[in-house]
All heavy atoms as atom14 arrays in JSON, in Angstrom:
{
  "sequence": "ATPSPAATPAAPSSPSSSPYASAPPAAAGPADGSW",
  "atom14_mask": [
    [1, 1, 1, 1, 1, 0, 0, 0, 0, 0, 0, 0, 0, 0],
    [1, 1, 1, 1, 1, 1, 1, 0, 0, 0, 0, 0, 0, 0],
    [1, 1, 1, 1, 1, 1, 1, 0, 0, 0, 0, 0, 0, 0],
    [1, 1, 1, 1, 1, 1, 0, 0, 0, 0, 0, 0, 0, 0],
    [1, 1, 1, 1, 1, 1, 1, 0, 0, 0, 0, 0, 0, 0],
    [1, 1, 1, 1, 1, 0, 0, 0, 0, 0, 0, 0, 0, 0],
    [1, 1, 1, 1, 1, 0, 0, 0, 0, 0, 0, 0, 0, 0],
    [1, 1, 1, 1, 1, 1, 1, 0, 0, 0, 0, 0, 0, 0],
    [1, 1, 1, 1, 1, 1, 1, 0, 0, 0, 0, 0, 0, 0],
    [1, 1, 1, 1, 1, 0, 0, 0, 0, 0, 0, 0, 0, 0],
    [1, 1, 1, 1, 1, 0, 0, 0, 0, 0, 0, 0, 0, 0],
    [1, 1, 1, 1, 1, 1, 1, 0, 0, 0, 0, 0, 0, 0],
    [1, 1, 1, 1, 1, 1, 0, 0, 0, 0, 0, 0, 0, 0],
    [1, 1, 1, 1, 1, 1, 0, 0, 0, 0, 0, 0, 0, 0],
    [1, 1, 1, 1, 1, 1, 1, 0, 0, 0, 0, 0, 0, 0],
    [1, 1, 1, 1, 1, 1, 0, 0, 0, 0, 0, 0, 0, 0],
    [1, 1, 1, 1, 1, 1, 0, 0, 0, 0, 0, 0, 0, 0],
    [1, 1, 1, 1, 1, 1, 0, 0, 0, 0, 0, 0, 0, 0],
    [1, 1, 1, 1, 1, 1, 1, 0, 0, 0, 0, 0, 0, 0],
    [1, 1, 1, 1, 1, 1, 1, 1, 1, 1, 1, 1, 0, 0],
    [1, 1, 1, 1, 1, 0, 0, 0, 0, 0, 0, 0, 0, 0],
    [1, 1, 1, 1, 1, 1, 0, 0, 0, 0, 0, 0, 0, 0],
    [1, 1, 1, 1, 1, 0, 0, 0, 0, 0, 0, 0, 0, 0],
    [1, 1, 1, 1, 1, 1, 1, 0, 0, 0, 0, 0, 0, 0],
    [1, 1, 1, 1, 1, 1, 1, 0, 0, 0, 0, 0, 0, 0],
    [1, 1, 1, 1, 1, 0, 0, 0, 0, 0, 0, 0, 0, 0],
    [1, 1, 1, 1, 1, 0, 0, 0, 0, 0, 0, 0, 0, 0],
    [1, 1, 1, 1, 1, 0, 0, 0, 0, 0, 0, 0, 0, 0],
    [1, 1, 1, 1, 0, 0, 0, 0, 0, 0, 0, 0, 0, 0],
    [1, 1, 1, 1, 1, 1, 1, 0, 0, 0, 0, 0, 0, 0],
    [1, 1, 1, 1, 1, 0, 0, 0, 0, 0, 0, 0, 0, 0],
    [1, 1, 1, 1, 1, 1, 1, 1, 0, 0, 0, 0, 0, 0],
    [1, 1, 1, 1, 0, 0, 0, 0, 0, 0, 0, 0, 0, 0],
    [1, 1, 1, 1, 1, 1, 0, 0, 0, 0, 0, 0, 0, 0],
    [1, 1, 1, 1, 1, 1, 1, 1, 1, 1, 1, 1, 1, 1]
  ],
  "atom14_positions": [
    [[66.55, 8.45, -202.21], [67.53, 7.59, -202.88], [68.18, 6.65, -201.87], [68.4, 7.01, -200.73], [68.6, 8.44, -203.55], [0.0, 0.0, 0.0], [0.0, 0.0, 0.0], [0.0, 0.0, 0.0], [0.0, 0.0, 0.0], [0.0, 0.0, 0.0], [0.0, 0.0, 0.0], [0.0, 0.0, 0.0], [0.0, 0.0, 0.0], [0.0, 0.0, 0.0]],
    [[68.44, 5.46, -202.29], [69.12, 4.49, -201.44], [70.6, 4.54, -201.74], [70.99, 4.49, -202.91], [68.58, 3.06, -201.72], [67.18, 3.07, -201.52], [69.23, 2.05, -200.81], [0.0, 0.0, 0.0], [0.0, 0.0, 0.0], [0.0, 0.0, 0.0], [0.0, 0.0, 0.0], [0.0, 0.0, 0.0], [0.0, 0.0, 0.0], [0.0, 0.0, 0.0]],
    [[71.45, 4.66, -200.69], [72.89, 4.73, -200.97], [73.4, 3.45, -201.59], [72.9, 2.37, -201.29], [73.51, 4.96, -199.58], [72.48, 4.53, -198.59], [71.15, 4.67, -199.27], [0.0, 0.0, 0.0], [0.0, 0.0, 0.0], [0.0, 0.0, 0.0], [0.0, 0.0, 0.0], [0.0, 0.0, 0.0], [0.0, 0.0, 0.0], [0.0, 0.0, 0.0]],
    [[74.37, 3.59, -202.47], [74.94, 2.41, -203.1], [75.76, 1.63, -202.07], [76.26, 2.21, -201.11], [75.83, 2.82, -204.27], [76.97, 3.49, -203.77], [0.0, 0.0, 0.0], [0.0, 0.0, 0.0], [0.0, 0.0, 0.0], [0.0, 0.0, 0.0], [0.0, 0.0, 0.0], [0.0, 0.0, 0.0], [0.0, 0.0, 0.0], [0.0, 0.0, 0.0]],
    [[75.93, 0.31, -202.25], [76.72, -0.47, -201.3], [78.12, 0.08, -201.11], [78.68, 0.01, -200.05], [76.75, -1.87, -201.91], [75.56, -1.92, -202.82], [75.34, -0.51, -203.3], [0.0, 0.0, 0.0], [0.0, 0.0, 0.0], [0.0, 0.0, 0.0], [0.0, 0.0, 0.0], [0.0, 0.0, 0.0], [0.0, 0.0, 0.0], [0.0, 0.0, 0.0]],
    [[78.71, 0.68, -202.15], [80.06, 1.22, -202.03], [80.09, 2.42, -201.1], [81.1, 2.71, -200.48], [80.59, 1.61, -203.41], [0.0, 0.0, 0.0], [0.0, 0.0, 0.0], [0.0, 0.0, 0.0], [0.0, 0.0, 0.0], [0.0, 0.0, 0.0], [0.0, 0.0, 0.0], [0.0, 0.0, 0.0], [0.0, 0.0, 0.0], [0.0, 0.0, 0.0]],
    [[78.96, 3.15, -200.96], [78.91, 4.33, -200.12], [78.58, 3.99, -198.67], [78.69, 4.81, -197.8], [77.86, 5.3, -200.65], [0.0, 0.0, 0.0], [0.0, 0.0, 0.0], [0.0, 0.0, 0.0], [0.0, 0.0, 0.0], [0.0, 0.0, 0.0], [0.0, 0.0, 0.0], [0.0, 0.0, 0.0], [0.0, 0.0, 0.0], [0.0, 0.0, 0.0]],
    [[78.12, 2.76, -198.42], [77.75, 2.36, -197.08], [78.98, 1.78, -196.38], [79.59, 0.85, -196.88], [76.64, 1.28, -197.12], [75.54, 1.81, -197.87], [76.19, 0.9, -195.73], [0.0, 0.0, 0.0], [0.0, 0.0, 0.0], [0.0, 0.0, 0.0], [0.0, 0.0, 0.0], [0.0, 0.0, 0.0], [0.0, 0.0, 0.0], [0.0, 0.0, 0.0]],
    [[79.36, 2.35, -195.19], [80.54, 1.83, -194.5], [80.32, 0.4, -194.03], [79.23, 0.03, -193.63], [80.71, 2.76, -193.3], [79.57, 3.72, -193.31], [78.73, 3.45, -194.51], [0.0, 0.0, 0.0], [0.0, 0.0, 0.0], [0.0, 0.0, 0.0], [0.0, 0.0, 0.0], [0.0, 0.0, 0.0], [0.0, 0.0, 0.0], [0.0, 0.0, 0.0]],
    [[81.36, -0.38, -194.13], [81.29, -1.78, -193.69], [81.34, -1.83, -192.17], [81.97, -1.02, -191.53], [82.46, -2.56, -194.27], [0.0, 0.0, 0.0], [0.0, 0.0, 0.0], [0.0, 0.0, 0.0], [0.0, 0.0, 0.0], [0.0, 0.0, 0.0], [0.0, 0.0, 0.0], [0.0, 0.0, 0.0], [0.0, 0.0, 0.0], [0.0, 0.0, 0.0]],
    [[80.65, -2.82, -191.6], [80.69, -3.02, -190.15], [82.09, -3.48, -189.77], [82.74, -4.21, -190.52], [79.66, -4.07, -189.74], [0.0, 0.0, 0.0], [0.0, 0.0, 0.0], [0.0, 0.0, 0.0], [0.0, 0.0, 0.0], [0.0, 0.0, 0.0], [0.0, 0.0, 0.0], [0.0, 0.0, 0.0], [0.0, 0.0, 0.0], [0.0, 0.0, 0.0]],
    [[82.57, -3.07, -188.57], [83.9, -3.51, -188.15], [83.93, -5.03, -188.05], [83.01, -5.65, -187.55], [84.09, -2.87, -186.78], [82.98, -1.9, -186.58], [81.93, -2.22, -187.6], [0.0, 0.0, 0.0], [0.0, 0.0, 0.0], [0.0, 0.0, 0.0], [0.0, 0.0, 0.0], [0.0, 0.0, 0.0], [0.0, 0.0, 0.0], [0.0, 0.0, 0.0]],
    [[84.99, -5.61, -188.54], [85.12, -7.05, -188.45], [85.88, -7.4, -187.18], [86.68, -6.63, -186.68], [85.87, -7.61, -189.66], [87.16, -7.07, -189.7], [0.0, 0.0, 0.0], [0.0, 0.0, 0.0], [0.0, 0.0, 0.0], [0.0, 0.0, 0.0], [0.0, 0.0, 0.0], [0.0, 0.0, 0.0], [0.0, 0.0, 0.0], [0.0, 0.0, 0.0]],
    [[85.56, -8.56, -186.64], [86.28, -8.99, -185.45], [86.79, -10.41, -185.7], [86.06, -11.25, -186.22], [85.39, -8.95, -184.21], [84.27, -9.77, -184.38], [0.0, 0.0, 0.0], [0.0, 0.0, 0.0], [0.0, 0.0, 0.0], [0.0, 0.0, 0.0], [0.0, 0.0, 0.0], [0.0, 0.0, 0.0], [0.0, 0.0, 0.0], [0.0, 0.0, 0.0]],
    [[88.03, -10.66, -185.37], [88.57, -11.98, -185.62], [87.86, -13.02, -184.78], [87.67, -12.86, -183.58], [90.04, -11.85, -185.21], [90.14, -10.61, -184.41], [88.96, -9.77, -184.74], [0.0, 0.0, 0.0], [0.0, 0.0, 0.0], [0.0, 0.0, 0.0], [0.0, 0.0, 0.0], [0.0, 0.0, 0.0], [0.0, 0.0, 0.0], [0.0, 0.0, 0.0]],
    [[87.42, -14.12, -185.44], [86.66, -15.15, -184.73], [87.54, -15.92, -183.75], [87.03, -16.56, -182.84], [86.01, -16.1, -185.73], [87.02, -16.71, -186.52], [0.0, 0.0, 0.0], [0.0, 0.0, 0.0], [0.0, 0.0, 0.0], [0.0, 0.0, 0.0], [0.0, 0.0, 0.0], [0.0, 0.0, 0.0], [0.0, 0.0, 0.0], [0.0, 0.0, 0.0]],
    [[88.84, -15.85, -183.89], [89.72, -16.57, -182.97], [90.0, -15.79, -181.69], [90.64, -16.3, -180.79], [91.04, -16.9, -183.66], [91.68, -15.7, -184.04], [0.0, 0.0, 0.0], [0.0, 0.0, 0.0], [0.0, 0.0, 0.0], [0.0, 0.0, 0.0], [0.0, 0.0, 0.0], [0.0, 0.0, 0.0], [0.0, 0.0, 0.0], [0.0, 0.0, 0.0]],
    [[89.5, -14.56, -181.6], [89.75, -13.73, -180.44], [88.95, -14.21, -179.23], [87.76, -14.48, -179.35], [89.38, -12.28, -180.75], [89.38, -11.53, -179.56], [0.0, 0.0, 0.0], [0.0, 0.0, 0.0], [0.0, 0.0, 0.0], [0.0, 0.0, 0.0], [0.0, 0.0, 0.0], [0.0, 0.0, 0.0], [0.0, 0.0, 0.0], [0.0, 0.0, 0.0]],
    [[89.56, -14.32, -178.05], [88.81, -14.7, -176.86], [87.83, -13.61, -176.46], [86.89, -13.87, -175.73], [89.9, -14.88, -175.8], [91.04, -14.05, -176.27], [90.96, -14.08, -177.77], [0.0, 0.0, 0.0], [0.0, 0.0, 0.0], [0.0, 0.0, 0.0], [0.0, 0.0, 0.0], [0.0, 0.0, 0.0], [0.0, 0.0, 0.0], [0.0, 0.0, 0.0]],
    [[87.99, -12.4, -176.94], [87.11, -11.31, -176.59], [85.8, -11.36, -177.37], [84.84, -10.7, -177.01], [87.8, -9.96, -176.84], [89.04, -9.8, -176.02], [90.29, -10.07, -176.56], [88.97, -9.41, -174.69], [91.44, -9.94, -175.79], [90.11, -9.28, -173.92], [91.34, -9.54, -174.48], [92.46, -9.41, -173.72], [0.0, 0.0, 0.0], [0.0, 0.0, 0.0]],
    [[85.74, -12.1, -178.45], [84.57, -12.12, -179.32], [83.63, -13.29, -179.03], [82.64, -13.44, -179.7], [85.01, -12.17, -180.78], [0.0, 0.0, 0.0], [0.0, 0.0, 0.0], [0.0, 0.0, 0.0], [0.0, 0.0, 0.0], [0.0, 0.0, 0.0], [0.0, 0.0, 0.0], [0.0, 0.0, 0.0], [0.0, 0.0, 0.0], [0.0, 0.0, 0.0]],
    [[83.88, -14.11, -178.02], [83.1, -15.31, -177.82], [81.83, -15.12, -177.0], [80.93, -15.94, -177.06], [83.96, -16.39, -177.16], [84.4, -15.93, -175.89], [0.0, 0.0, 0.0], [0.0, 0.0, 0.0], [0.0, 0.0, 0.0], [0.0, 0.0, 0.0], [0.0, 0.0, 0.0], [0.0, 0.0, 0.0], [0.0, 0.0, 0.0], [0.0, 0.0, 0.0]],
    [[81.69, -14.07, -176.23], [80.52, -13.86, -175.39], [79.39, -13.24, -176.21], [79.62, -12.63, -177.24], [80.89, -12.93, -174.24], [0.0, 0.0, 0.0], [0.0, 0.0, 0.0], [0.0, 0.0, 0.0], [0.0, 0.0, 0.0], [0.0, 0.0, 0.0], [0.0, 0.0, 0.0], [0.0, 0.0, 0.0], [0.0, 0.0, 0.0], [0.0, 0.0, 0.0]],
    [[78.12, -13.4, -175.73], [77.0, -12.78, -176.43], [77.05, -11.26, -176.27], [77.73, -10.76, -175.38], [75.78, -13.36, -175.73], [76.26, -13.73, -174.37], [77.7, -14.14, -174.55], [0.0, 0.0, 0.0], [0.0, 0.0, 0.0], [0.0, 0.0, 0.0], [0.0, 0.0, 0.0], [0.0, 0.0, 0.0], [0.0, 0.0, 0.0], [0.0, 0.0, 0.0]],
    [[76.31, -10.51, -177.13], [76.3, -9.05, -176.99], [75.88, -8.65, -175.58], [75.04, -9.29, -174.97], [75.26, -8.59, -178.02], [75.2, -9.7, -179.02], [75.49, -10.96, -178.26], [0.0, 0.0, 0.0], [0.0, 0.0, 0.0], [0.0, 0.0, 0.0], [0.0, 0.0, 0.0], [0.0, 0.0, 0.0], [0.0, 0.0, 0.0], [0.0, 0.0, 0.0]],
    [[76.47, -7.58, -175.08], [76.19, -7.12, -173.72], [74.77, -6.59, -173.63], [74.31, -5.84, -174.47], [77.18, -6.04, -173.31], [0.0, 0.0, 0.0], [0.0, 0.0, 0.0], [0.0, 0.0, 0.0], [0.0, 0.0, 0.0], [0.0, 0.0, 0.0], [0.0, 0.0, 0.0], [0.0, 0.0, 0.0], [0.0, 0.0, 0.0], [0.0, 0.0, 0.0]],
    [[74.05, -7.03, -172.59], [72.75, -6.45, -172.27], [73.04, -5.22, -171.41], [74.15, -5.03, -170.94], [71.92, -7.48, -171.51], [0.0, 0.0, 0.0], [0.0, 0.0, 0.0], [0.0, 0.0, 0.0], [0.0, 0.0, 0.0], [0.0, 0.0, 0.0], [0.0, 0.0, 0.0], [0.0, 0.0, 0.0], [0.0, 0.0, 0.0], [0.0, 0.0, 0.0]],
    [[72.02, -4.42, -171.19], [72.21, -3.26, -170.31], [72.73, -3.75, -168.97], [72.21, -4.7, -168.4], [70.91, -2.5, -170.15], [0.0, 0.0, 0.0], [0.0, 0.0, 0.0], [0.0, 0.0, 0.0], [0.0, 0.0, 0.0], [0.0, 0.0, 0.0], [0.0, 0.0, 0.0], [0.0, 0.0, 0.0], [0.0, 0.0, 0.0], [0.0, 0.0, 0.0]],
    [[73.78, -3.15, -168.5], [74.38, -3.56, -167.24], [75.15, -2.43, -166.63], [75.1, -1.28, -167.11], [0.0, 0.0, 0.0], [0.0, 0.0, 0.0], [0.0, 0.0, 0.0], [0.0, 0.0, 0.0], [0.0, 0.0, 0.0], [0.0, 0.0, 0.0], [0.0, 0.0, 0.0], [0.0, 0.0, 0.0], [0.0, 0.0, 0.0], [0.0, 0.0, 0.0]],
    [[75.91, -2.72, -165.59], [76.63, -1.67, -164.89], [77.69, -0.95, -165.74], [78.05, 0.17, -165.44], [77.27, -2.38, -163.7], [77.24, -3.83, -164.03], [76.11, -4.03, -164.99], [0.0, 0.0, 0.0], [0.0, 0.0, 0.0], [0.0, 0.0, 0.0], [0.0, 0.0, 0.0], [0.0, 0.0, 0.0], [0.0, 0.0, 0.0], [0.0, 0.0, 0.0]],
    [[78.17, -1.57, -166.8], [79.18, -0.93, -167.65], [78.56, 0.03, -168.66], [79.26, 0.83, -169.27], [80.02, -1.97, -168.37], [0.0, 0.0, 0.0], [0.0, 0.0, 0.0], [0.0, 0.0, 0.0], [0.0, 0.0, 0.0], [0.0, 0.0, 0.0], [0.0, 0.0, 0.0], [0.0, 0.0, 0.0], [0.0, 0.0, 0.0], [0.0, 0.0, 0.0]],
    [[77.24, -0.05, -168.86], [76.58, 0.82, -169.83], [76.72, 2.29, -169.45], [76.64, 2.65, -168.28], [75.1, 0.48, -169.95], [74.82, -0.56, -171.01], [75.74, -1.29, -171.38], [73.66, -0.63, -171.47], [0.0, 0.0, 0.0], [0.0, 0.0, 0.0], [0.0, 0.0, 0.0], [0.0, 0.0, 0.0], [0.0, 0.0, 0.0], [0.0, 0.0, 0.0]],
    [[76.95, 3.12, -170.44], [77.04, 4.55, -170.24], [78.35, 5.09, -170.77], [79.11, 4.39, -171.44], [0.0, 0.0, 0.0], [0.0, 0.0, 0.0], [0.0, 0.0, 0.0], [0.0, 0.0, 0.0], [0.0, 0.0, 0.0], [0.0, 0.0, 0.0], [0.0, 0.0, 0.0], [0.0, 0.0, 0.0], [0.0, 0.0, 0.0], [0.0, 0.0, 0.0]],
    [[78.6, 6.35, -170.47], [79.84, 6.99, -170.89], [80.74, 7.16, -169.67], [80.29, 7.59, -168.61], [79.54, 8.37, -171.5], [78.88, 8.2, -172.72], [0.0, 0.0, 0.0], [0.0, 0.0, 0.0], [0.0, 0.0, 0.0], [0.0, 0.0, 0.0], [0.0, 0.0, 0.0], [0.0, 0.0, 0.0], [0.0, 0.0, 0.0], [0.0, 0.0, 0.0]],
    [[82.01, 6.84, -169.86], [83.0, 6.85, -168.79], [84.19, 7.67, -169.25], [84.6, 7.56, -170.4], [83.43, 5.42, -168.47], [82.29, 4.53, -168.08], [81.44, 3.87, -168.93], [81.88, 4.2, -166.77], [80.54, 3.15, -168.19], [80.78, 3.34, -166.86], [82.34, 4.56, -165.49], [80.12, 2.83, -165.75], [81.7, 4.05, -164.38], [80.6, 3.2, -164.51]]
  ]
}
């Protein structure tokens, strides 16, 4: 069975005016991992 759209959690939204949201998605780099 395919879950109904109401049962599927929405992706977190990010405000487009935020300076933190302007860079491309992070590629694997030194920050990757658990800290």
